[in-house]
């Protein structure tokens, strides 16, 4: 079954704020039951809040906005960490494991797929 990422921009109007703060842009990324509020850095899965560490959040945002594309561990590590830190590419495996555990996908419905001996993709 094919799914699409839906990105929406909404304006919140707050009548008690000054005019320059009247319109606040929010961006939501949604994929099935998983949604990410980029402005507030909030993640929800099936209406449940998901608490992520910064690296895991960055990894999720990158993957959810690039569905169906296989990325190597090295590419993903460069997204979530400063390459000068010299982290082992297998560190991504730890981040993905934490991400999966935090979201608690139902068995057989994990949206983060492992591409054996290479990396990961989001579908």
PDB file of N, CA and C in Angstrom:
ATOM      1  N   UNK A   1       0.845  -1.176   0.000  1.00  0.00           N
ATOM      2  CA  UNK A   1       0.000   0.000   0.000  1.00  0.00           C
ATOM      3  C   UNK A   1       0.891   1.240   0.000  1.00  0.00           C
ATOM      4  N   UNK A   2       0.622   2.144  -0.874  1.00  0.00           N
ATOM      5  CA  UNK A   2       1.395   3.373  -1.000  1.00  0.00           C
ATOM      6  C   UNK A   2       0.830   4.448  -0.077  1.00  0.00           C
ATOM      7  N   UNK A   3       1.723   5.121   0.610  1.00  0.00           N
ATOM      8  CA  UNK A   3       1.306   6.230   1.476  1.00  0.00           C
ATOM      9  C   UNK A   3       2.020   7.482   1.023  1.00  0.00           C
ATOM     10  N   UNK A   4       1.464   8.602   1.361  1.00  0.00           N
ATOM     11  CA  UNK A   4       2.075   9.870   0.982  1.00  0.00           C
ATOM     12  C   UNK A   4       2.350  10.688   2.224  1.00  0.00           C
ATOM     13  N   UNK A   5       3.412  11.442   2.156  1.00  0.00           N
ATOM     14  CA  UNK A   5       3.719  12.384   3.226  1.00  0.00           C
ATOM     15  C   UNK A   5       2.903  13.626   2.959  1.00  0.00           C
ATOM     16  N   UNK A   6       2.237  14.115   3.984  1.00  0.00           N
ATOM     17  CA  UNK A   6       1.430  15.324   3.842  1.00  0.00           C
ATOM     18  C   UNK A   6       2.069  16.422   4.680  1.00  0.00           C
ATOM     19  N   UNK A   7       2.416  17.498   4.039  1.00  0.00           N
ATOM     20  CA  UNK A   7       2.978  18.653   4.722  1.00  0.00           C
ATOM     21  C   UNK A   7       1.961  19.773   4.621  1.00  0.00           C
ATOM     22  N   UNK A   8       1.599  20.325   5.778  1.00  0.00           N
ATOM     23  CA  UNK A   8       0.615  21.406   5.780  1.00  0.00           C
ATOM     24  C   UNK A   8       1.179  22.596   6.530  1.00  0.00           C
ATOM     25  N   UNK A   9       0.819  23.752   6.075  1.00  0.00           N
ATOM     26  CA  UNK A   9       1.184  24.985   6.769  1.00  0.00           C
ATOM     27  C   UNK A   9      -0.109  25.616   7.250  1.00  0.00           C
ATOM     28  N   UNK A  10      -0.122  26.015   8.502  1.00  0.00           N
ATOM     29  CA  UNK A  10      -1.337  26.600   9.083  1.00  0.00           C
ATOM     30  C   UNK A  10      -0.978  27.929   9.718  1.00  0.00           C
ATOM     31  N   UNK A  11      -1.914  28.821   9.728  1.00  0.00           N
ATOM     32  CA  UNK A  11      -1.716  30.082  10.424  1.00  0.00           C
ATOM     33  C   UNK A  11      -2.583  30.090  11.663  1.00  0.00           C
ATOM     34  N   UNK A  12      -1.957  30.381  12.794  1.00  0.00           N
ATOM     35  CA  UNK A  12      -2.697  30.551  14.041  1.00  0.00           C
ATOM     36  C   UNK A  12      -2.841  32.043  14.274  1.00  0.00           C
ATOM     37  N   UNK A  13      -4.052  32.492  14.471  1.00  0.00           N
ATOM     38  CA  UNK A  13      -4.280  33.912  14.740  1.00  0.00           C
ATOM     39  C   UNK A  13      -4.551  34.095  16.220  1.00  0.00           C
ATOM     40  N   UNK A  14      -3.783  34.953  16.833  1.00  0.00           N
ATOM     41  CA  UNK A  14      -3.937  35.216  18.259  1.00  0.00           C
ATOM     42  C   UNK A  14      -4.313  36.682  18.428  1.00  0.00           C
ATOM     43  N   UNK A  15      -5.556  36.986  18.780  1.00  0.00           N
ATOM     44  CA  UNK A  15      -6.037  38.368  18.817  1.00  0.00           C
ATOM     45  C   UNK A  15      -5.341  39.238  19.860  1.00  0.00           C
ATOM     46  N   UNK A  16      -4.730  38.691  20.899  1.00  0.00           N
ATOM     47  CA  UNK A  16      -4.109  39.490  21.950  1.00  0.00           C
ATOM     48  C   UNK A  16      -2.632  39.797  21.699  1.00  0.00           C
ATOM     49  N   UNK A  17      -2.105  39.356  20.575  1.00  0.00           N
ATOM     50  CA  UNK A  17      -0.697  39.584  20.282  1.00  0.00           C
ATOM     51  C   UNK A  17      -0.544  40.775  19.343  1.00  0.00           C
ATOM     52  N   UNK A  18       0.634  41.418  19.361  1.00  0.00           N
ATOM     53  CA  UNK A  18       0.889  42.506  18.420  1.00  0.00           C
ATOM     54  C   UNK A  18       0.769  42.013  16.979  1.00  0.00           C
ATOM     55  N   UNK A  19       0.511  42.937  16.065  1.00  0.00           N
ATOM     56  CA  UNK A  19       0.244  42.569  14.673  1.00  0.00           C
ATOM     57  C   UNK A  19       1.392  41.812  14.028  1.00  0.00           C
ATOM     58  N   UNK A  20       2.672  42.122  14.382  1.00  0.00           N
ATOM     59  CA  UNK A  20       3.788  41.406  13.761  1.00  0.00           C
ATOM     60  C   UNK A  20       3.872  39.962  14.247  1.00  0.00           C
ATOM     61  N   UNK A  21       3.247  39.648  15.359  1.00  0.00           N
ATOM     62  CA  UNK A  21       3.228  38.276  15.863  1.00  0.00           C
ATOM     63  C   UNK A  21       1.869  37.633  15.641  1.00  0.00           C
ATOM     64  N   UNK A  22       1.005  38.317  14.906  1.00  0.00           N
ATOM     65  CA  UNK A  22      -0.360  37.837  14.706  1.00  0.00           C
ATOM     66  C   UNK A  22      -0.417  36.505  13.975  1.00  0.00           C
ATOM     67  N   UNK A  23       0.380  36.370  12.941  1.00  0.00           N
ATOM     68  CA  UNK A  23       0.356  35.136  12.155  1.00  0.00           C
ATOM     69  C   UNK A  23       1.606  34.329  12.461  1.00  0.00           C
ATOM     70  N   UNK A  24       1.383  33.161  12.981  1.00  0.00           N
ATOM     71  CA  UNK A  24       2.508  32.285  13.316  1.00  0.00           C
ATOM     72  C   UNK A  24       2.420  31.065  12.407  1.00  0.00           C
ATOM     73  N   UNK A  25       3.478  30.839  11.636  1.00  0.00           N
ATOM     74  CA  UNK A  25       3.487  29.733  10.697  1.00  0.00           C
ATOM     75  C   UNK A  25       3.871  28.451  11.414  1.00  0.00           C
ATOM     76  N   UNK A  26       3.075  27.425  11.207  1.00  0.00           N
ATOM     77  CA  UNK A  26       3.371  26.108  11.759  1.00  0.00           C
ATOM     78  C   UNK A  26       3.429  25.127  10.597  1.00  0.00           C
ATOM     79  N   UNK A  27       4.304  24.179  10.690  1.00  0.00           N
ATOM     80  CA  UNK A  27       4.424  23.181   9.644  1.00  0.00           C
ATOM     81  C   UNK A  27       4.254  21.799  10.250  1.00  0.00           C
ATOM     82  N   UNK A  28       3.330  21.036   9.690  1.00  0.00           N
ATOM     83  CA  UNK A  28       3.070  19.673  10.137  1.00  0.00           C
ATOM     84  C   UNK A  28       3.448  18.702   9.032  1.00  0.00           C
ATOM     85  N   UNK A  29       4.117  17.637   9.413  1.00  0.00           N
ATOM     86  CA  UNK A  29       4.420  16.552   8.488  1.00  0.00           C
ATOM     87  C   UNK A  29       3.682  15.336   9.016  1.00  0.00           C
ATOM     88  N   UNK A  30       2.897  14.704   8.143  1.00  0.00           N
ATOM     89  CA  UNK A  30       2.123  13.550   8.577  1.00  0.00           C
ATOM     90  C   UNK A  30       2.321  12.401   7.605  1.00  0.00           C
ATOM     91  N   UNK A  31       2.479  11.212   8.177  1.00  0.00           N
ATOM     92  CA  UNK A  31       2.636   9.994   7.399  1.00  0.00           C
ATOM     93  C   UNK A  31       1.852   8.921   8.127  1.00  0.00           C
ATOM     94  N   UNK A  32       0.684   8.587   7.602  1.00  0.00           N
ATOM     95  CA  UNK A  32      -0.174   7.634   8.297  1.00  0.00           C
ATOM     96  C   UNK A  32      -0.569   8.181   9.661  1.00  0.00           C
ATOM     97  N   UNK A  33      -0.345   7.397  10.714  1.00  0.00           N
ATOM     98  CA  UNK A  33      -0.692   7.803  12.073  1.00  0.00           C
ATOM     99  C   UNK A  33       0.430   8.585  12.760  1.00  0.00           C
ATOM    100  N   UNK A  34       1.521   8.806  12.058  1.00  0.00           N
ATOM    101  CA  UNK A  34       2.673   9.513  12.627  1.00  0.00           C
ATOM    102  C   UNK A  34       2.657  10.961  12.166  1.00  0.00           C
ATOM    103  N   UNK A  35       2.732  11.902  13.120  1.00  0.00           N
ATOM    104  CA  UNK A  35       2.763  13.321  12.746  1.00  0.00           C
ATOM    105  C   UNK A  35       3.866  14.036  13.509  1.00  0.00           C
ATOM    106  N   UNK A  36       4.463  15.003  12.824  1.00  0.00           N
ATOM    107  CA  UNK A  36       5.538  15.798  13.402  1.00  0.00           C
ATOM    108  C   UNK A  36       5.198  17.262  13.211  1.00  0.00           C
ATOM    109  N   UNK A  37       5.137  18.000  14.307  1.00  0.00           N
ATOM    110  CA  UNK A  37       4.945  19.447  14.273  1.00  0.00           C
ATOM    111  C   UNK A  37       6.345  20.051  14.298  1.00  0.00           C
ATOM    112  N   UNK A  38       6.800  20.520  13.149  1.00  0.00           N
ATOM    113  CA  UNK A  38       8.166  21.031  13.025  1.00  0.00           C
ATOM    114  C   UNK A  38       8.389  22.319  13.798  1.00  0.00           C
ATOM    115  N   UNK A  39       7.362  23.148  13.914  1.00  0.00           N
ATOM    116  CA  UNK A  39       7.506  24.420  14.630  1.00  0.00           C
ATOM    117  C   UNK A  39       7.658  24.191  16.132  1.00  0.00           C
ATOM    118  N   UNK A  40       6.922  23.221  16.653  1.00  0.00           N
ATOM    119  CA  UNK A  40       6.952  22.961  18.094  1.00  0.00           C
ATOM    120  C   UNK A  40       7.841  21.777  18.475  1.00  0.00           C
ATOM    121  N   UNK A  41       8.374  21.101  17.452  1.00  0.00           N
ATOM    122  CA  UNK A  41       9.224  19.912  17.667  1.00  0.00           C
ATOM    123  C   UNK A  41       8.481  18.834  18.456  1.00  0.00           C
ATOM    124  N   UNK A  42       7.219  18.622  18.091  1.00  0.00           N
ATOM    125  CA  UNK A  42       6.391  17.618  18.755  1.00  0.00           C
ATOM    126  C   UNK A  42       6.132  16.457  17.804  1.00  0.00           C
ATOM    127  N   UNK A  43       6.202  15.245  18.351  1.00  0.00           N
ATOM    128  CA  UNK A  43       5.938  14.037  17.578  1.00  0.00           C
ATOM    129  C   UNK A  43       4.766  13.313  18.228  1.00  0.00           C
ATOM    130  N   UNK A  44       3.832  12.853  17.386  1.00  0.00           N
ATOM    131  CA  UNK A  44       2.689  12.091  17.888  1.00  0.00           C
ATOM    132  C   UNK A  44       2.522  10.858  17.012  1.00  0.00           C
ATOM    133  N   UNK A  45       2.195   9.751  17.661  1.00  0.00           N
ATOM    134  CA  UNK A  45       1.881   8.522  16.937  1.00  0.00           C
ATOM    135  C   UNK A  45       0.577   7.988  17.505  1.00  0.00           C
ATOM    136  N   UNK A  46      -0.423   7.855  16.643  1.00  0.00           N
ATOM    137  CA  UNK A  46      -1.767   7.424  17.062  1.00  0.00           C
ATOM    138  C   UNK A  46      -2.265   8.271  18.240  1.00  0.00           C
ATOM    139  N   UNK A  47      -2.120   9.572  18.121  1.00  0.00           N
ATOM    140  CA  UNK A  47      -2.576  10.564  19.105  1.00  0.00           C
ATOM    141  C   UNK A  47      -1.814  10.526  20.428  1.00  0.00           C
ATOM    142  N   UNK A  48      -0.725   9.777  20.492  1.00  0.00           N
ATOM    143  CA  UNK A  48       0.086   9.682  21.711  1.00  0.00           C
ATOM    144  C   UNK A  48       1.373  10.476  21.504  1.00  0.00           C
ATOM    145  N   UNK A  49       1.745  11.299  22.485  1.00  0.00           N
ATOM    146  CA  UNK A  49       2.995  12.060  22.404  1.00  0.00           C
ATOM    147  C   UNK A  49       4.187  11.113  22.458  1.00  0.00           C
ATOM    148  N   UNK A  50       5.176  11.392  21.631  1.00  0.00           N
ATOM    149  CA  UNK A  50       6.404  10.606  21.583  1.00  0.00           C
ATOM    150  C   UNK A  50       7.556  11.527  21.955  1.00  0.00           C
ATOM    151  N   UNK A  51       8.284  11.177  22.987  1.00  0.00           N
ATOM    152  CA  UNK A  51       9.412  11.991  23.448  1.00  0.00           C
ATOM    153  C   UNK A  51      10.705  11.442  22.859  1.00  0.00           C
ATOM    154  N   UNK A  52      11.415  12.305  22.120  1.00  0.00           N
ATOM    155  CA  UNK A  52      12.644  11.901  21.450  1.00  0.00           C
ATOM    156  C   UNK A  52      13.805  12.793  21.857  1.00  0.00           C
ATOM    157  N   UNK A  53      14.985  12.223  21.823  1.00  0.00           N
ATOM    158  CA  UNK A  53      16.218  12.998  22.017  1.00  0.00           C
ATOM    159  C   UNK A  53      16.485  13.769  20.723  1.00  0.00           C
ATOM    160  N   UNK A  54      17.308  14.816  20.788  1.00  0.00           N
ATOM    161  CA  UNK A  54      17.545  15.637  19.586  1.00  0.00           C
ATOM    162  C   UNK A  54      18.014  14.851  18.354  1.00  0.00           C
ATOM    163  N   UNK A  55      18.950  13.932  18.524  1.00  0.00           N
ATOM    164  CA  UNK A  55      19.447  13.170  17.371  1.00  0.00           C
ATOM    165  C   UNK A  55      18.351  12.292  16.780  1.00  0.00           C
ATOM    166  N   UNK A  56      17.540  11.689  17.628  1.00  0.00           N
ATOM    167  CA  UNK A  56      16.451  10.834  17.156  1.00  0.00           C
ATOM    168  C   UNK A  56      15.389  11.663  16.433  1.00  0.00           C
ATOM    169  N   UNK A  57      15.100  12.843  16.966  1.00  0.00           N
ATOM    170  CA  UNK A  57      14.139  13.744  16.325  1.00  0.00           C
ATOM    171  C   UNK A  57      14.649  14.151  14.939  1.00  0.00           C
ATOM    172  N   UNK A  58      15.901  14.553  14.854  1.00  0.00           N
ATOM    173  CA  UNK A  58      16.485  14.960  13.564  1.00  0.00           C
ATOM    174  C   UNK A  58      16.443  13.813  12.561  1.00  0.00           C
ATOM    175  N   UNK A  59      16.745  12.617  13.034  1.00  0.00           N
ATOM    176  CA  UNK A  59      16.708  11.443  12.171  1.00  0.00           C
ATOM    177  C   UNK A  59      15.294  11.192  11.657  1.00  0.00           C
ATOM    178  N   UNK A  60      14.313  11.262  12.538  1.00  0.00           N
ATOM    179  CA  UNK A  60      12.926  11.046  12.138  1.00  0.00           C
ATOM    180  C   UNK A  60      12.474  12.089  11.125  1.00  0.00           C
ATOM    181  N   UNK A  61      12.760  13.347  11.378  1.00  0.00           N
ATOM    182  CA  UNK A  61      12.343  14.409  10.454  1.00  0.00           C
ATOM    183  C   UNK A  61      12.972  14.192   9.083  1.00  0.00           C
ATOM    184  N   UNK A  62      14.244  13.842   9.058  1.00  0.00           N
ATOM    185  CA  UNK A  62      14.909  13.607   7.778  1.00  0.00           C
ATOM    186  C   UNK A  62      14.271  12.426   7.039  1.00  0.00           C
ATOM    187  N   UNK A  63      14.049  11.328   7.754  1.00  0.00           N
ATOM    188  CA  UNK A  63      13.487  10.143   7.107  1.00  0.00           C
ATOM    189  C   UNK A  63      12.044  10.357   6.649  1.00  0.00           C
ATOM    190  N   UNK A  64      11.226  10.986   7.497  1.00  0.00           N
ATOM    191  CA  UNK A  64       9.811  11.161   7.146  1.00  0.00           C
ATOM    192  C   UNK A  64       9.621  12.131   5.978  1.00  0.00           C
ATOM    193  N   UNK A  65      10.564  13.045   5.791  1.00  0.00           N
ATOM    194  CA  UNK A  65      10.464  13.985   4.667  1.00  0.00           C
ATOM    195  C   UNK A  65      11.134  13.453   3.402  1.00  0.00           C
ATOM    196  N   UNK A  66      11.710  12.254   3.496  1.00  0.00           N
ATOM    197  CA  UNK A  66      12.341  11.603   2.341  1.00  0.00           C
ATOM    198  C   UNK A  66      11.900  10.133   2.269  1.00  0.00           C
ATOM    199  N   UNK A  67      10.598   9.877   2.217  1.00  0.00           N
ATOM    200  CA  UNK A  67      10.138   8.484   2.254  1.00  0.00           C
ATOM    201  C   UNK A  67      10.532   7.709   0.994  1.00  0.00           C
ATOM    202  N   UNK A  68      10.793   6.416   1.195  1.00  0.00           N
ATOM    203  CA  UNK A  68      11.091   5.547   0.067  1.00  0.00           C
ATOM    204  C   UNK A  68      12.510   5.610  -0.437  1.00  0.00           C
ATOM    205  N   UNK A  69      13.339   6.443   0.177  1.00  0.00           N
ATOM    206  CA  UNK A  69      14.730   6.589  -0.252  1.00  0.00           C
ATOM    207  C   UNK A  69      15.613   5.874   0.765  1.00  0.00           C
ATOM    208  N   UNK A  70      16.506   5.009   0.272  1.00  0.00           N
ATOM    209  CA  UNK A  70      17.429   4.296   1.153  1.00  0.00           C
ATOM    210  C   UNK A  70      18.657   5.178   1.381  1.00  0.00           C
ATOM    211  N   UNK A  71      18.979   5.385   2.658  1.00  0.00           N
ATOM    212  CA  UNK A  71      20.152   6.169   3.027  1.00  0.00           C
ATOM    213  C   UNK A  71      21.136   5.282   3.769  1.00  0.00           C
ATOM    214  N   UNK A  72      22.409   5.485   3.489  1.00  0.00           N
ATOM    215  CA  UNK A  72      23.441   4.720   4.187  1.00  0.00           C
ATOM    216  C   UNK A  72      23.563   5.211   5.624  1.00  0.00           C
ATOM    217  N   UNK A  73      24.147   4.396   6.468  1.00  0.00           N
ATOM    218  CA  UNK A  73      24.387   4.809   7.847  1.00  0.00           C
ATOM    219  C   UNK A  73      25.250   6.071   7.889  1.00  0.00           C
ATOM    220  N   UNK A  74      26.220   6.149   7.010  1.00  0.00           N
ATOM    221  CA  UNK A  74      27.112   7.313   6.971  1.00  0.00           C
ATOM    222  C   UNK A  74      26.339   8.584   6.622  1.00  0.00           C
ATOM    223  N   UNK A  75      25.437   8.483   5.647  1.00  0.00           N
ATOM    224  CA  UNK A  75      24.633   9.647   5.267  1.00  0.00           C
ATOM    225  C   UNK A  75      23.748  10.093   6.424  1.00  0.00           C
ATOM    226  N   UNK A  76      23.117   9.150   7.083  1.00  0.00           N
ATOM    227  CA  UNK A  76      22.229   9.492   8.199  1.00  0.00           C
ATOM    228  C   UNK A  76      23.015  10.056   9.379  1.00  0.00           C
ATOM    229  N   UNK A  77      24.187   9.511   9.634  1.00  0.00           N
ATOM    230  CA  UNK A  77      25.006  10.019  10.733  1.00  0.00           C
ATOM    231  C   UNK A  77      25.420  11.467  10.476  1.00  0.00           C
ATOM    232  N   UNK A  78      25.700  11.801   9.220  1.00  0.00           N
ATOM    233  CA  UNK A  78      26.069  13.177   8.871  1.00  0.00           C
ATOM    234  C   UNK A  78      24.893  14.143   9.093  1.00  0.00           C
ATOM    235  N   UNK A  79      23.660  13.635   9.022  1.00  0.00           N
ATOM    236  CA  UNK A  79      22.473  14.466   9.245  1.00  0.00           C
ATOM    237  C   UNK A  79      22.296  14.769  10.726  1.00  0.00           C
ATOM    238  N   UNK A  80      22.527  13.778  11.583  1.00  0.00           N
ATOM    239  CA  UNK A  80      22.208  13.917  13.010  1.00  0.00           C
ATOM    240  C   UNK A  80      23.397  14.282  13.883  1.00  0.00           C
ATOM    241  N   UNK A  81      24.594  14.274  13.332  1.00  0.00           N
ATOM    242  CA  UNK A  81      25.776  14.535  14.151  1.00  0.00           C
ATOM    243  C   UNK A  81      26.836  15.270  13.341  1.00  0.00           C
ATOM    244  N   UNK A  82      27.672  15.989  14.024  1.00  0.00           N
ATOM    245  CA  UNK A  82      28.785  16.679  13.384  1.00  0.00           C
ATOM    246  C   UNK A  82      29.809  15.627  12.945  1.00  0.00           C
ATOM    247  N   UNK A  83      30.122  15.567  11.655  1.00  0.00           N
ATOM    248  CA  UNK A  83      31.069  14.564  11.160  1.00  0.00           C
ATOM    249  C   UNK A  83      32.437  14.624  11.847  1.00  0.00           C
ATOM    250  N   UNK A  84      32.781  15.776  12.384  1.00  0.00           N
ATOM    251  CA  UNK A  84      34.082  15.908  13.061  1.00  0.00           C
ATOM    252  C   UNK A  84      34.134  15.147  14.374  1.00  0.00           C
ATOM    253  N   UNK A  85      32.972  14.716  14.871  1.00  0.00           N
ATOM    254  CA  UNK A  85      32.950  13.954  16.119  1.00  0.00           C
ATOM    255  C   UNK A  85      33.516  12.558  15.926  1.00  0.00           C
ATOM    256  N   UNK A  86      33.537  12.081  14.688  1.00  0.00           N
ATOM    257  CA  UNK A  86      34.127  10.789  14.397  1.00  0.00           C
ATOM    258  C   UNK A  86      33.361   9.599  14.950  1.00  0.00           C
ATOM    259  N   UNK A  87      32.043   9.703  14.998  1.00  0.00           N
ATOM    260  CA  UNK A  87      31.235   8.598  15.505  1.00  0.00           C
ATOM    261  C   UNK A  87      31.216   7.440  14.506  1.00  0.00           C
ATOM    262  N   UNK A  88      31.118   6.247  15.038  1.00  0.00           N
ATOM    263  CA  UNK A  88      31.014   5.051  14.212  1.00  0.00           C
ATOM    264  C   UNK A  88      29.652   5.060  13.513  1.00  0.00           C
ATOM    265  N   UNK A  89      29.606   4.716  12.222  1.00  0.00           N
ATOM    266  CA  UNK A  89      28.322   4.689  11.506  1.00  0.00           C
ATOM    267  C   UNK A  89      27.275   3.786  12.164  1.00  0.00           C
ATOM    268  N   UNK A  90      27.709   2.797  12.913  1.00  0.00           N
ATOM    269  CA  UNK A  90      26.769   1.908  13.601  1.00  0.00           C
ATOM    270  C   UNK A  90      26.010   2.634  14.721  1.00  0.00           C
ATOM    271  N   UNK A  91      26.445   3.844  15.055  1.00  0.00           N
ATOM    272  CA  UNK A  91      25.718   4.664  16.024  1.00  0.00           C
ATOM    273  C   UNK A  91      24.285   4.892  15.543  1.00  0.00           C
ATOM    274  N   UNK A  92      24.112   4.959  14.226  1.00  0.00           N
ATOM    275  CA  UNK A  92      22.777   5.135  13.648  1.00  0.00           C
ATOM    276  C   UNK A  92      21.861   3.983  14.052  1.00  0.00           C
ATOM    277  N   UNK A  93      22.414   2.784  14.140  1.00  0.00           N
ATOM    278  CA  UNK A  93      21.612   1.633  14.561  1.00  0.00           C
ATOM    279  C   UNK A  93      21.027   1.863  15.959  1.00  0.00           C
ATOM    280  N   UNK A  94      21.813   2.464  16.829  1.00  0.00           N
ATOM    281  CA  UNK A  94      21.355   2.772  18.189  1.00  0.00           C
ATOM    282  C   UNK A  94      20.238   3.815  18.132  1.00  0.00           C
ATOM    283  N   UNK A  95      20.438   4.871  17.343  1.00  0.00           N
ATOM    284  CA  UNK A  95      19.421   5.918  17.213  1.00  0.00           C
ATOM    285  C   UNK A  95      18.115   5.360  16.644  1.00  0.00           C
ATOM    286  N   UNK A  96      18.221   4.515  15.625  1.00  0.00           N
ATOM    287  CA  UNK A  96      17.020   3.917  15.025  1.00  0.00           C
ATOM    288  C   UNK A  96      16.324   3.022  16.044  1.00  0.00           C
ATOM    289  N   UNK A  97      17.095   2.259  16.800  1.00  0.00           N
ATOM    290  CA  UNK A  97      16.511   1.411  17.837  1.00  0.00           C
ATOM    291  C   UNK A  97      15.755   2.220  18.878  1.00  0.00           C
ATOM    292  N   UNK A  98      16.347   3.325  19.311  1.00  0.00           N
ATOM    293  CA  UNK A  98      15.672   4.201  20.285  1.00  0.00           C
ATOM    294  C   UNK A  98      14.417   4.825  19.689  1.00  0.00           C
ATOM    295  N   UNK A  99      14.511   5.212  18.429  1.00  0.00           N
ATOM    296  CA  UNK A  99      13.370   5.810  17.739  1.00  0.00           C
ATOM    297  C   UNK A  99      12.217   4.814  17.644  1.00  0.00           C
ATOM    298  N   UNK A 100      12.521   3.598  17.236  1.00  0.00           N
ATOM    299  CA  UNK A 100      11.492   2.552  17.153  1.00  0.00           C
ATOM    300  C   UNK A 100      10.873   2.278  18.522  1.00  0.00           C
ATOM    301  N   UNK A 101      11.709   2.222  19.531  1.00  0.00           N
ATOM    302  CA  UNK A 101      11.217   1.939  20.891  1.00  0.00           C
ATOM    303  C   UNK A 101      10.317   3.068  21.388  1.00  0.00           C
ATOM    304  N   UNK A 102      10.703   4.313  21.114  1.00  0.00           N
ATOM    305  CA  UNK A 102       9.919   5.468  21.569  1.00  0.00           C
ATOM    306  C   UNK A 102       8.565   5.531  20.865  1.00  0.00           C
ATOM    307  N   UNK A 103       8.542   5.263  19.570  1.00  0.00           N
ATOM    308  CA  UNK A 103       7.292   5.342  18.815  1.00  0.00           C
ATOM    309  C   UNK A 103       6.408   4.127  19.091  1.00  0.00           C
ATOM    310  N   UNK A 104       7.003   2.986  19.312  1.00  0.00           N
ATOM    311  CA  UNK A 104       6.275   1.731  19.579  1.00  0.00           C
ATOM    312  C   UNK A 104       5.319   1.377  18.437  1.00  0.00           C
ATOM    313  N   UNK A 105       5.903   1.185  17.257  1.00  0.00           N
ATOM    314  CA  UNK A 105       5.114   0.735  16.114  1.00  0.00           C
ATOM    315  C   UNK A 105       4.527  -0.641  16.427  1.00  0.00           C
ATOM    316  N   UNK A 106       3.292  -0.919  15.988  1.00  0.00           N
ATOM    317  CA  UNK A 106       2.741  -2.265  16.166  1.00  0.00           C
ATOM    318  C   UNK A 106       3.585  -3.281  15.396  1.00  0.00           C
ATOM    319  N   UNK A 107       3.607  -4.506  15.882  1.00  0.00           N
ATOM    320  CA  UNK A 107       4.404  -5.553  15.241  1.00  0.00           C
ATOM    321  C   UNK A 107       4.045  -5.661  13.760  1.00  0.00           C
ATOM    322  N   UNK A 108       5.075  -5.661  12.926  1.00  0.00           N
ATOM    323  CA  UNK A 108       4.882  -5.762  11.491  1.00  0.00           C
ATOM    324  C   UNK A 108       4.534  -4.455  10.805  1.00  0.00           C
ATOM    325  N   UNK A 109       4.457  -3.359  11.561  1.00  0.00           N
ATOM    326  CA  UNK A 109       4.077  -2.070  10.960  1.00  0.00           C
ATOM    327  C   UNK A 109       5.137  -0.994  11.146  1.00  0.00           C
ATOM    328  N   UNK A 110       6.362  -1.408  11.359  1.00  0.00           N
ATOM    329  CA  UNK A 110       7.465  -0.467  11.541  1.00  0.00           C
ATOM    330  C   UNK A 110       7.678   0.306  10.246  1.00  0.00           C
ATOM    331  N   UNK A 111       7.612   1.621  10.302  1.00  0.00           N
ATOM    332  CA  UNK A 111       7.768   2.457   9.115  1.00  0.00           C
ATOM    333  C   UNK A 111       9.233   2.678   8.754  1.00  0.00           C
ATOM    334  N   UNK A 112      10.134   2.372   9.673  1.00  0.00           N
ATOM    335  CA  UNK A 112      11.562   2.503   9.398  1.00  0.00           C
ATOM    336  C   UNK A 112      12.080   1.125   9.044  1.00  0.00           C
ATOM    337  N   UNK A 113      12.459   0.959   7.799  1.00  0.00           N
ATOM    338  CA  UNK A 113      12.911  -0.342   7.300  1.00  0.00           C
ATOM    339  C   UNK A 113      14.440  -0.391   7.256  1.00  0.00           C
ATOM    340  N   UNK A 114      14.957  -1.537   7.630  1.00  0.00           N
ATOM    341  CA  UNK A 114      16.399  -1.763   7.562  1.00  0.00           C
ATOM    342  C   UNK A 114      16.743  -2.280   6.179  1.00  0.00           C
ATOM    343  N   UNK A 115      17.712  -1.656   5.554  1.00  0.00           N
ATOM    344  CA  UNK A 115      18.237  -2.134   4.277  1.00  0.00           C
ATOM    345  C   UNK A 115      19.531  -2.855   4.633  1.00  0.00           C
ATOM    346  N   UNK A 116      19.475  -4.171   4.648  1.00  0.00           N
ATOM    347  CA  UNK A 116      20.554  -5.015   5.173  1.00  0.00           C
ATOM    348  C   UNK A 116      21.940  -4.610   4.667  1.00  0.00           C
ATOM    349  N   UNK A 117      22.858  -4.501   5.602  1.00  0.00           N
ATOM    350  CA  UNK A 117      24.268  -4.169   5.345  1.00  0.00           C
ATOM    351  C   UNK A 117      24.481  -2.793   4.713  1.00  0.00           C
ATOM    352  N   UNK A 118      23.473  -1.928   4.792  1.00  0.00           N
ATOM    353  CA  UNK A 118      23.647  -0.614   4.187  1.00  0.00           C
ATOM    354  C   UNK A 118      23.114   0.505   5.044  1.00  0.00           C
ATOM    355  N   UNK A 119      21.799   0.532   5.306  1.00  0.00           N
ATOM    356  CA  UNK A 119      21.226   1.651   6.044  1.00  0.00           C
ATOM    357  C   UNK A 119      19.742   1.486   6.259  1.00  0.00           C
ATOM    358  N   UNK A 120      19.001   2.589   6.100  1.00  0.00           N
ATOM    359  CA  UNK A 120      17.590   2.604   6.431  1.00  0.00           C
ATOM    360  C   UNK A 120      16.774   3.418   5.435  1.00  0.00           C
ATOM    361  N   UNK A 121      15.466   3.131   5.414  1.00  0.00           N
ATOM    362  CA  UNK A 121      14.533   3.949   4.660  1.00  0.00           C
ATOM    363  C   UNK A 121      13.242   4.042   5.435  1.00  0.00           C
ATOM    364  N   UNK A 122      12.463   5.054   5.112  1.00  0.00           N
ATOM    365  CA  UNK A 122      11.168   5.286   5.741  1.00  0.00           C
ATOM    366  C   UNK A 122      10.100   5.003   4.707  1.00  0.00           C
ATOM    367  N   UNK A 123       9.164   4.102   5.078  1.00  0.00           N
ATOM    368  CA  UNK A 123       8.044   3.830   4.146  1.00  0.00           C
ATOM    369  C   UNK A 123       6.791   3.500   4.888  1.00  0.00           C
TER     370      UNK A 123
END
